[in-house]
Amino acid sequence: MIAASTDAASRPRRERVAAAVLAGGLGMRIGEDKANVLLAGSTLASRAVASLRQAGLDPFIVTKADRPVEIAGVKVLVEPDHPRHPLAGVAAAIRSAGERSVIVLACDLPLLPAAYFTWLAEHDGGTIVPCPGGEPQPLAGRYSPGDLEAIESALERHAPARQAAAGLGATFASDEQLLQFGDPAVIFTNVNTLEDLLKAEDFLERG
């Protein structure tokens, strides 16, 4: 098992990793622009940025032109209007990262702690995708530059994001590995609806 580390010697490694907040989702089920939904007084996008910064990373935001997000001091990358696909933001983030690996975080996964992203940044094995409950969660993982071709192919086929992630030859992080950061069923709470938002608020209140 790869353990999380906060040792100062690991900082140069983290500096070689890019980080992107994915904020271009339509938010149809929650009824508004998802990135700007408030959770405990902060927008989902700003919570994602804060978690990545706490991990020693310098995140940028990837979004669509019709889903503007503004956070002071954070660069914004506008991805192409099409396709509308969860992996479109991942592909844009990989392109922007150049020769660096990139950690991506969908803004609708607001409960993941900074220690998880530190762990991803220090991971030596290239691409890593978490699998809470045995299901790949490709929008909170680490990608290598060499993944771009496969992801672009998946976009052309309109392949489901989880199916595409399974075809990357990634390291998949099991619940056993993820437990060091908290209960995977809690920290990977996905905020898609108002009910999900209330659930996330409840988890935060309970600590």
C-alpha atoms as a PDB file:
ATOM      1  CA  MET A   1       0.000   0.000   0.000  1.00  0.00           C
ATOM      2  CA  ILE A   2       1.251   3.504  -0.820  1.00  0.00           C
ATOM      3  CA  ALA A   3       1.102   5.660   2.286  1.00  0.00           C
ATOM      4  CA  ALA A   4       0.405   9.385   2.268  1.00  0.00           C
ATOM      5  CA  SER A   5       3.360  11.581   3.183  1.00  0.00           C
ATOM      6  CA  THR A   6       3.789  15.200   4.193  1.00  0.00           C
ATOM      7  CA  ASP A   7       7.609  15.093   4.243  1.00  0.00           C
ATOM      8  CA  ALA A   8       9.248  18.245   2.834  1.00  0.00           C
ATOM      9  CA  ALA A   9      11.398  16.071   0.574  1.00  0.00           C
ATOM     10  CA  SER A  10       8.291  15.093  -1.378  1.00  0.00           C
ATOM     11  CA  ARG A  11       7.486  18.679  -2.394  1.00  0.00           C
ATOM     12  CA  PRO A  12       9.621  18.718  -5.567  1.00  0.00           C
ATOM     13  CA  ARG A  13       7.759  15.629  -6.736  1.00  0.00           C
ATOM     14  CA  ARG A  14       4.417  17.347  -6.178  1.00  0.00           C
ATOM     15  CA  GLU A  15       5.662  20.388  -8.093  1.00  0.00           C
ATOM     16  CA  ARG A  16       6.157  18.171 -11.160  1.00  0.00           C
ATOM     17  CA  VAL A  17       2.454  17.300 -11.163  1.00  0.00           C
ATOM     18  CA  ALA A  18      -0.271  19.540 -12.569  1.00  0.00           C
ATOM     19  CA  ALA A  19      -3.756  19.718 -11.047  1.00  0.00           C
ATOM     20  CA  ALA A  20      -7.075  20.583 -12.669  1.00  0.00           C
ATOM     21  CA  VAL A  21     -10.562  21.214 -11.326  1.00  0.00           C
ATOM     22  CA  LEU A  22     -13.190  20.000 -13.797  1.00  0.00           C
ATOM     23  CA  ALA A  23     -16.075  22.471 -13.770  1.00  0.00           C
ATOM     24  CA  GLY A  24     -17.789  22.244 -17.148  1.00  0.00           C
ATOM     25  CA  GLY A  25     -20.728  20.013 -16.196  1.00  0.00           C
ATOM     26  CA  LEU A  26     -24.242  21.129 -17.029  1.00  0.00           C
ATOM     27  CA  GLY A  27     -25.688  20.474 -13.570  1.00  0.00           C
ATOM     28  CA  MET A  28     -29.074  19.582 -15.044  1.00  0.00           C
ATOM     29  CA  ARG A  29     -30.148  17.396 -12.131  1.00  0.00           C
ATOM     30  CA  ILE A  30     -29.230  19.950  -9.485  1.00  0.00           C
ATOM     31  CA  GLY A  31     -30.939  22.737 -11.406  1.00  0.00           C
ATOM     32  CA  GLU A  32     -28.070  25.232 -11.736  1.00  0.00           C
ATOM     33  CA  ASP A  33     -24.438  25.656 -12.718  1.00  0.00           C
ATOM     34  CA  LYS A  34     -22.858  22.941 -10.575  1.00  0.00           C
ATOM     35  CA  ALA A  35     -19.470  24.606 -10.069  1.00  0.00           C
ATOM     36  CA  ASN A  36     -21.124  27.581  -8.369  1.00  0.00           C
ATOM     37  CA  VAL A  37     -23.437  25.592  -6.093  1.00  0.00           C
ATOM     38  CA  LEU A  38     -22.835  26.477  -2.433  1.00  0.00           C
ATOM     39  CA  LEU A  39     -21.846  23.823   0.091  1.00  0.00           C
ATOM     40  CA  ALA A  40     -21.285  25.027   3.658  1.00  0.00           C
ATOM     41  CA  GLY A  41     -20.793  28.582   2.407  1.00  0.00           C
ATOM     42  CA  SER A  42     -18.287  27.828  -0.374  1.00  0.00           C
ATOM     43  CA  THR A  43     -18.869  26.981  -4.008  1.00  0.00           C
ATOM     44  CA  LEU A  44     -18.079  23.457  -5.143  1.00  0.00           C
ATOM     45  CA  ALA A  45     -15.370  24.823  -7.438  1.00  0.00           C
ATOM     46  CA  SER A  46     -13.685  26.825  -4.680  1.00  0.00           C
ATOM     47  CA  ARG A  47     -13.760  23.826  -2.324  1.00  0.00           C
ATOM     48  CA  ALA A  48     -12.001  21.732  -4.986  1.00  0.00           C
ATOM     49  CA  VAL A  49      -9.360  24.407  -5.513  1.00  0.00           C
ATOM     50  CA  ALA A  50      -8.785  24.666  -1.760  1.00  0.00           C
ATOM     51  CA  SER A  51      -8.301  20.900  -1.341  1.00  0.00           C
ATOM     52  CA  LEU A  52      -5.742  20.757  -4.131  1.00  0.00           C
ATOM     53  CA  ARG A  53      -3.894  23.796  -2.790  1.00  0.00           C
ATOM     54  CA  GLN A  54      -3.741  22.231   0.666  1.00  0.00           C
ATOM     55  CA  ALA A  55      -2.005  19.275  -1.003  1.00  0.00           C
ATOM     56  CA  GLY A  56       0.731  21.607  -2.224  1.00  0.00           C
ATOM     57  CA  LEU A  57      -0.593  21.752  -5.790  1.00  0.00           C
ATOM     58  CA  ASP A  58      -1.309  24.764  -8.009  1.00  0.00           C
ATOM     59  CA  PRO A  59      -4.660  23.953  -9.645  1.00  0.00           C
ATOM     60  CA  PHE A  60      -6.251  25.462 -12.721  1.00  0.00           C
ATOM     61  CA  ILE A  61      -9.897  25.230 -13.725  1.00  0.00           C
ATOM     62  CA  VAL A  62     -11.165  23.487 -16.853  1.00  0.00           C
ATOM     63  CA  THR A  63     -14.644  24.522 -17.958  1.00  0.00           C
ATOM     64  CA  LYS A  64     -16.868  25.257 -20.938  1.00  0.00           C
ATOM     65  CA  ALA A  65     -17.389  28.757 -22.317  1.00  0.00           C
ATOM     66  CA  ASP A  66     -21.012  28.667 -21.177  1.00  0.00           C
ATOM     67  CA  ARG A  67     -20.025  27.613 -17.637  1.00  0.00           C
ATOM     68  CA  PRO A  68     -17.819  30.500 -16.467  1.00  0.00           C
ATOM     69  CA  VAL A  69     -15.976  30.083 -13.177  1.00  0.00           C
ATOM     70  CA  GLU A  70     -13.955  32.844 -11.536  1.00  0.00           C
ATOM     71  CA  ILE A  71     -11.770  32.271  -8.480  1.00  0.00           C
ATOM     72  CA  ALA A  72      -9.134  34.833  -7.575  1.00  0.00           C
ATOM     73  CA  GLY A  73      -5.638  33.753  -8.525  1.00  0.00           C
ATOM     74  CA  VAL A  74      -6.741  30.628 -10.393  1.00  0.00           C
ATOM     75  CA  LYS A  75      -6.192  30.241 -14.129  1.00  0.00           C
ATOM     76  CA  VAL A  76      -9.118  29.089 -16.249  1.00  0.00           C
ATOM     77  CA  LEU A  77      -8.806  26.847 -19.291  1.00  0.00           C
ATOM     78  CA  VAL A  78     -11.829  26.910 -21.612  1.00  0.00           C
ATOM     79  CA  GLU A  79     -12.246  23.535 -23.270  1.00  0.00           C
ATOM     80  CA  PRO A  80     -13.998  23.068 -26.656  1.00  0.00           C
ATOM     81  CA  ASP A  81     -17.791  23.292 -26.642  1.00  0.00           C
ATOM     82  CA  HIS A  82     -18.051  19.726 -27.910  1.00  0.00           C
ATOM     83  CA  PRO A  83     -18.186  16.969 -26.978  1.00  0.00           C
ATOM     84  CA  ARG A  84     -20.228  17.233 -23.801  1.00  0.00           C
ATOM     85  CA  HIS A  85     -18.603  14.310 -22.053  1.00  0.00           C
ATOM     86  CA  PRO A  86     -17.055  13.866 -18.588  1.00  0.00           C
ATOM     87  CA  LEU A  87     -13.710  12.962 -20.155  1.00  0.00           C
ATOM     88  CA  ALA A  88     -13.543  16.110 -22.306  1.00  0.00           C
ATOM     89  CA  GLY A  89     -12.206  18.058 -19.340  1.00  0.00           C
ATOM     90  CA  VAL A  90      -9.703  15.307 -18.565  1.00  0.00           C
ATOM     91  CA  ALA A  91      -8.393  15.435 -22.144  1.00  0.00           C
ATOM     92  CA  ALA A  92      -8.098  19.235 -22.003  1.00  0.00           C
ATOM     93  CA  ALA A  93      -6.247  19.017 -18.682  1.00  0.00           C
ATOM     94  CA  ILE A  94      -3.761  16.450 -20.035  1.00  0.00           C
ATOM     95  CA  ARG A  95      -3.075  18.611 -23.099  1.00  0.00           C
ATOM     96  CA  SER A  96      -2.485  21.667 -20.919  1.00  0.00           C
ATOM     97  CA  ALA A  97      -0.164  19.783 -18.557  1.00  0.00           C
ATOM     98  CA  GLY A  98       2.296  19.027 -21.357  1.00  0.00           C
ATOM     99  CA  GLU A  99       4.889  16.493 -20.199  1.00  0.00           C
ATOM    100  CA  ARG A 100       3.638  16.472 -16.610  1.00  0.00           C
ATOM    101  CA  SER A 101       1.150  14.069 -15.109  1.00  0.00           C
ATOM    102  CA  VAL A 102      -2.073  15.749 -14.066  1.00  0.00           C
ATOM    103  CA  ILE A 103      -4.412  15.171 -11.151  1.00  0.00           C
ATOM    104  CA  VAL A 104      -8.034  15.887 -12.005  1.00  0.00           C
ATOM    105  CA  LEU A 105     -10.868  16.590  -9.595  1.00  0.00           C
ATOM    106  CA  ALA A 106     -14.476  17.045 -10.627  1.00  0.00           C
ATOM    107  CA  CYS A 107     -15.960  19.882  -8.623  1.00  0.00           C
ATOM    108  CA  ASP A 108     -18.925  17.684  -7.677  1.00  0.00           C
ATOM    109  CA  LEU A 109     -16.690  15.489  -5.476  1.00  0.00           C
ATOM    110  CA  PRO A 110     -16.346  17.998  -2.619  1.00  0.00           C
ATOM    111  CA  LEU A 111     -15.471  15.737   0.319  1.00  0.00           C
ATOM    112  CA  LEU A 112     -12.116  14.376  -0.801  1.00  0.00           C
ATOM    113  CA  PRO A 113      -9.394  15.480   1.658  1.00  0.00           C
ATOM    114  CA  ALA A 114      -6.110  17.136   0.734  1.00  0.00           C
ATOM    115  CA  ALA A 115      -4.172  14.070   1.960  1.00  0.00           C
ATOM    116  CA  TYR A 116      -5.681  12.039  -0.867  1.00  0.00           C
ATOM    117  CA  PHE A 117      -4.304  14.443  -3.480  1.00  0.00           C
ATOM    118  CA  THR A 118      -0.904  14.515  -1.795  1.00  0.00           C
ATOM    119  CA  TRP A 119      -0.890  10.730  -2.106  1.00  0.00           C
ATOM    120  CA  LEU A 120      -1.798  10.913  -5.793  1.00  0.00           C
ATOM    121  CA  ALA A 121       0.929  13.484  -6.406  1.00  0.00           C
ATOM    122  CA  GLU A 122       3.542  11.277  -4.772  1.00  0.00           C
ATOM    123  CA  HIS A 123       2.441   8.132  -6.592  1.00  0.00           C
ATOM    124  CA  ASP A 124       5.296   6.778  -8.711  1.00  0.00           C
ATOM    125  CA  GLY A 125       3.319   4.425 -10.924  1.00  0.00           C
ATOM    126  CA  GLY A 126       1.868   6.783 -13.513  1.00  0.00           C
ATOM    127  CA  THR A 127      -1.893   6.682 -14.022  1.00  0.00           C
ATOM    128  CA  ILE A 128      -4.001   5.875 -10.973  1.00  0.00           C
ATOM    129  CA  VAL A 129      -7.792   5.700 -10.794  1.00  0.00           C
ATOM    130  CA  PRO A 130      -9.633   5.257  -7.480  1.00  0.00           C
ATOM    131  CA  CYS A 131     -12.247   2.506  -7.276  1.00  0.00           C
ATOM    132  CA  PRO A 132     -14.471   3.215  -4.263  1.00  0.00           C
ATOM    133  CA  GLY A 133     -16.835   0.310  -3.818  1.00  0.00           C
ATOM    134  CA  GLY A 134     -15.124  -1.426  -6.721  1.00  0.00           C
ATOM    135  CA  GLU A 135     -16.313   1.158  -9.272  1.00  0.00           C
ATOM    136  CA  PRO A 136     -13.753   3.293 -11.168  1.00  0.00           C
ATOM    137  CA  GLN A 137     -14.053   7.011 -10.421  1.00  0.00           C
ATOM    138  CA  PRO A 138     -12.090   8.554 -13.307  1.00  0.00           C
ATOM    139  CA  LEU A 139     -12.793  12.167 -12.345  1.00  0.00           C
ATOM    140  CA  ALA A 140     -10.627  12.088  -9.229  1.00  0.00           C
ATOM    141  CA  GLY A 141      -7.480  10.404 -10.460  1.00  0.00           C
ATOM    142  CA  ARG A 142      -4.019  10.983 -11.846  1.00  0.00           C
ATOM    143  CA  TYR A 143      -3.274  10.753 -15.573  1.00  0.00           C
ATOM    144  CA  SER A 144      -0.097  10.519 -17.611  1.00  0.00           C
ATOM    145  CA  PRO A 145       0.603  12.326 -20.908  1.00  0.00           C
ATOM    146  CA  GLY A 146       0.485   8.970 -22.701  1.00  0.00           C
ATOM    147  CA  ASP A 147      -3.191   8.548 -21.739  1.00  0.00           C
ATOM    148  CA  LEU A 148      -4.315  11.337 -24.072  1.00  0.00           C
ATOM    149  CA  GLU A 149      -4.609   9.233 -27.231  1.00  0.00           C
ATOM    150  CA  ALA A 150      -6.774   6.586 -25.544  1.00  0.00           C
ATOM    151  CA  ILE A 151      -9.005   9.212 -23.937  1.00  0.00           C
ATOM    152  CA  GLU A 152      -9.464  11.082 -27.204  1.00  0.00           C
ATOM    153  CA  SER A 153     -10.383   7.772 -28.860  1.00  0.00           C
ATOM    154  CA  ALA A 154     -12.947   7.152 -26.120  1.00  0.00           C
ATOM    155  CA  LEU A 155     -14.406  10.613 -26.722  1.00  0.00           C
ATOM    156  CA  GLU A 156     -14.766   9.897 -30.434  1.00  0.00           C
ATOM    157  CA  ARG A 157     -16.645   6.689 -29.596  1.00  0.00           C
ATOM    158  CA  HIS A 158     -18.693   8.411 -26.882  1.00  0.00           C
ATOM    159  CA  ALA A 159     -17.558   5.623 -24.570  1.00  0.00           C
ATOM    160  CA  PRO A 160     -18.648   5.847 -20.918  1.00  0.00           C
ATOM    161  CA  ALA A 161     -15.989   7.438 -18.710  1.00  0.00           C
ATOM    162  CA  ARG A 162     -15.631   4.407 -16.450  1.00  0.00           C
ATOM    163  CA  GLN A 163     -15.251   2.087 -19.414  1.00  0.00           C
ATOM    164  CA  ALA A 164     -12.579   4.314 -20.898  1.00  0.00           C
ATOM    165  CA  ALA A 165     -10.680   4.458 -17.597  1.00  0.00           C
ATOM    166  CA  ALA A 166     -10.699   0.672 -17.378  1.00  0.00           C
ATOM    167  CA  GLY A 167      -8.922   0.510 -20.738  1.00  0.00           C
ATOM    168  CA  LEU A 168      -5.981   2.715 -19.783  1.00  0.00           C
ATOM    169  CA  GLY A 169      -3.889   0.120 -18.002  1.00  0.00           C
ATOM    170  CA  ALA A 170      -4.047   2.279 -14.893  1.00  0.00           C
ATOM    171  CA  THR A 171      -3.331   1.322 -11.307  1.00  0.00           C
ATOM    172  CA  PHE A 172      -6.703   1.037  -9.593  1.00  0.00           C
ATOM    173  CA  ALA A 173      -6.870   2.091  -5.933  1.00  0.00           C
ATOM    174  CA  SER A 174      -9.077  -0.210  -3.884  1.00  0.00           C
ATOM    175  CA  ASP A 175     -11.153   0.603  -0.804  1.00  0.00           C
ATOM    176  CA  GLU A 176      -8.350  -0.892   1.292  1.00  0.00           C
ATOM    177  CA  GLN A 177      -5.957   1.762  -0.005  1.00  0.00           C
ATOM    178  CA  LEU A 178      -8.518   4.575   0.099  1.00  0.00           C
ATOM    179  CA  LEU A 179      -9.501   3.943   3.736  1.00  0.00           C
ATOM    180  CA  GLN A 180      -6.422   5.831   4.908  1.00  0.00           C
ATOM    181  CA  PHE A 181      -8.223   9.013   3.813  1.00  0.00           C
ATOM    182  CA  GLY A 182     -11.662   8.214   5.239  1.00  0.00           C
ATOM    183  CA  ASP A 183     -14.656   6.050   4.439  1.00  0.00           C
ATOM    184  CA  PRO A 184     -14.669   5.766   0.621  1.00  0.00           C
ATOM    185  CA  ALA A 185     -18.480   5.729   0.621  1.00  0.00           C
ATOM    186  CA  VAL A 186     -18.382   9.180   2.233  1.00  0.00           C
ATOM    187  CA  ILE A 187     -15.366  10.946   0.755  1.00  0.00           C
ATOM    188  CA  PHE A 188     -16.380  10.019  -2.803  1.00  0.00           C
ATOM    189  CA  THR A 189     -19.888  11.434  -2.364  1.00  0.00           C
ATOM    190  CA  ASN A 190     -20.922  12.808  -5.741  1.00  0.00           C
ATOM    191  CA  VAL A 191     -23.117  15.916  -5.673  1.00  0.00           C
ATOM    192  CA  ASN A 192     -25.509  15.620  -8.603  1.00  0.00           C
ATOM    193  CA  THR A 193     -28.820  16.499  -6.960  1.00  0.00           C
ATOM    194  CA  LEU A 194     -30.138  18.641  -4.113  1.00  0.00           C
ATOM    195  CA  GLU A 195     -30.495  15.443  -2.094  1.00  0.00           C
ATOM    196  CA  ASP A 196     -26.790  14.728  -2.644  1.00  0.00           C
ATOM    197  CA  LEU A 197     -25.975  18.273  -1.550  1.00  0.00           C
ATOM    198  CA  LEU A 198     -27.879  17.830   1.707  1.00  0.00           C
ATOM    199  CA  LYS A 199     -26.113  14.535   2.287  1.00  0.00           C
ATOM    200  CA  ALA A 200     -22.717  16.191   1.773  1.00  0.00           C
ATOM    201  CA  GLU A 201     -23.666  18.987   4.198  1.00  0.00           C
ATOM    202  CA  ASP A 202     -24.642  16.380   6.772  1.00  0.00           C
ATOM    203  CA  PHE A 203     -21.308  14.579   6.394  1.00  0.00           C
ATOM    204  CA  LEU A 204     -19.452  17.862   6.861  1.00  0.00           C
ATOM    205  CA  GLU A 205     -21.418  18.746   9.979  1.00  0.00           C
ATOM    206  CA  ARG A 206     -20.667  15.339  11.482  1.00  0.00           C
ATOM    207  CA  GLY A 207     -16.994  15.710  10.626  1.00  0.00           C
END
